[in-house]
Amino acid sequence: MACDYFSLAHSGVQSLQPYQPGKPVDELERELGISDIIKLASNENPLGPAESVCKALVGVMAELSRYPDGNGFLLKQALEQKLKIKTNQITLGNGSNDVLDLLARAFAGPGKEVVFSEYAFAVYPIVTLAVNATPVVVPAHEWGNDLEGMAKAITSKTALIFLANPNNPTGTYFDKGSFEAFMDEVPPRVVVVLDEAYFEYVKKDDYPSGLSYMNSYPNLVVTRTFSKAYGLAGLRVGYGVSNPDIADLLNRVRQPFNVSIPSILAAKAVLNDEAYLQRSTETNRQGLAQLEQGLSRLGLEYIPSVGNFITANFGSDAADINQRLLQLGVIVRPVANYKMPAFLRISVGLAAENERFLSALKRCL
């Protein structure tokens, strides 16, 4: 007998659409039968994994029949020493996305509201609707978070607020003064999640590093990832830092063994690899300037970015240009699912990759 399984899911799940990742290289190879493809779609580190990571993973194959340390002691200890925090403040995740999901499961749900910005990271509405909470989307200000508007959106039902700094997919950021004024307006019962997935790339004196506010705002949770500047996107490891009471709740709903043995060892190794981090951020600084100059030469407008990507306006031709780029073996990221159909997001690659994108784009235009 046929069953309508869609109707069995709660209304939040029914309203969801699957997350749309950047197109994989091998998928484009299968579709078009081409090779020599470059991918500038998923904000990955173009340098590849650090040598320190490769050395740390030598011999790890012998351990793959074992479960990892469910508490992630080695990585937590390394984070404690590096960041000057306590291990009881840390929640490890299968990428920082995992921590965002834990926060929604722990604090949101039916009858509660979750506030985030227009043009914010797609995972925020996903985790909100997955627990059948109500998303409250605040219109963006100059493509970024309108902190004053978000403060005004708080009601008695507000449980969580998601803030990305820098914001993905727009690359915008907010400064210390704006953040402090916002946090002073938020009731202590509302948990504020400061998503700092791209913070290592920001070179602005007025950028508010979330960890410096942990003692001032007990309702603040900072999430970070090893997927971007540390080059571990394929291993999926991130973390949250909060006051111990919040961390305790998150670790109650966290799945056991959610971070693998290779992920723990790789993250521990690269965390203290300052040379690799400096090389990553410098490569990005130069590459971002290269893309900005190239887009300007082509007469294209873009959103000024402090991340490892840039989002440019192609008007009504965006979808068509994306398809033409694919035909030329260049993968970028459409952001129509963010309600930005006129834009394409381009990840910063190596200098040769950036130049190839710009040359291909000139042909498409």
Foldseek 3Di string as FASTA:
>chain_A
DDDDVLVVADPLVNPDDDDDAFDDLVVLCVVQVDDPFDEFAHQFQQVAADPLLVVLCVPVVVVVVDFDDQLLVLLLVLCCVLVVDHSLQKDKALALLRVLLLLCVLWFAPQAEEEEEQLADPSNSVSCSNRPGHYDYFYADLNADPLVRRLVPDDPRYAEYEHEALGPPAQDHDFDVSVVVSLVSDDLNHAYEYEDAFVLLFDDPRHDDVVVCQVVRQSYKYKYGCRHLNRPVVQRMIMIGHPSVVSVSSSVPDDGSRHGPSRSSSSSRSVPVVVSSVVSNVQQVVQVVVLVVLCVVVVWDWRDHSGQKTKTFQDPCQVVLQVQVSSVNYTWHQVVVSVRRRIIMGGRHGPVNSVVSSVSSVVSD
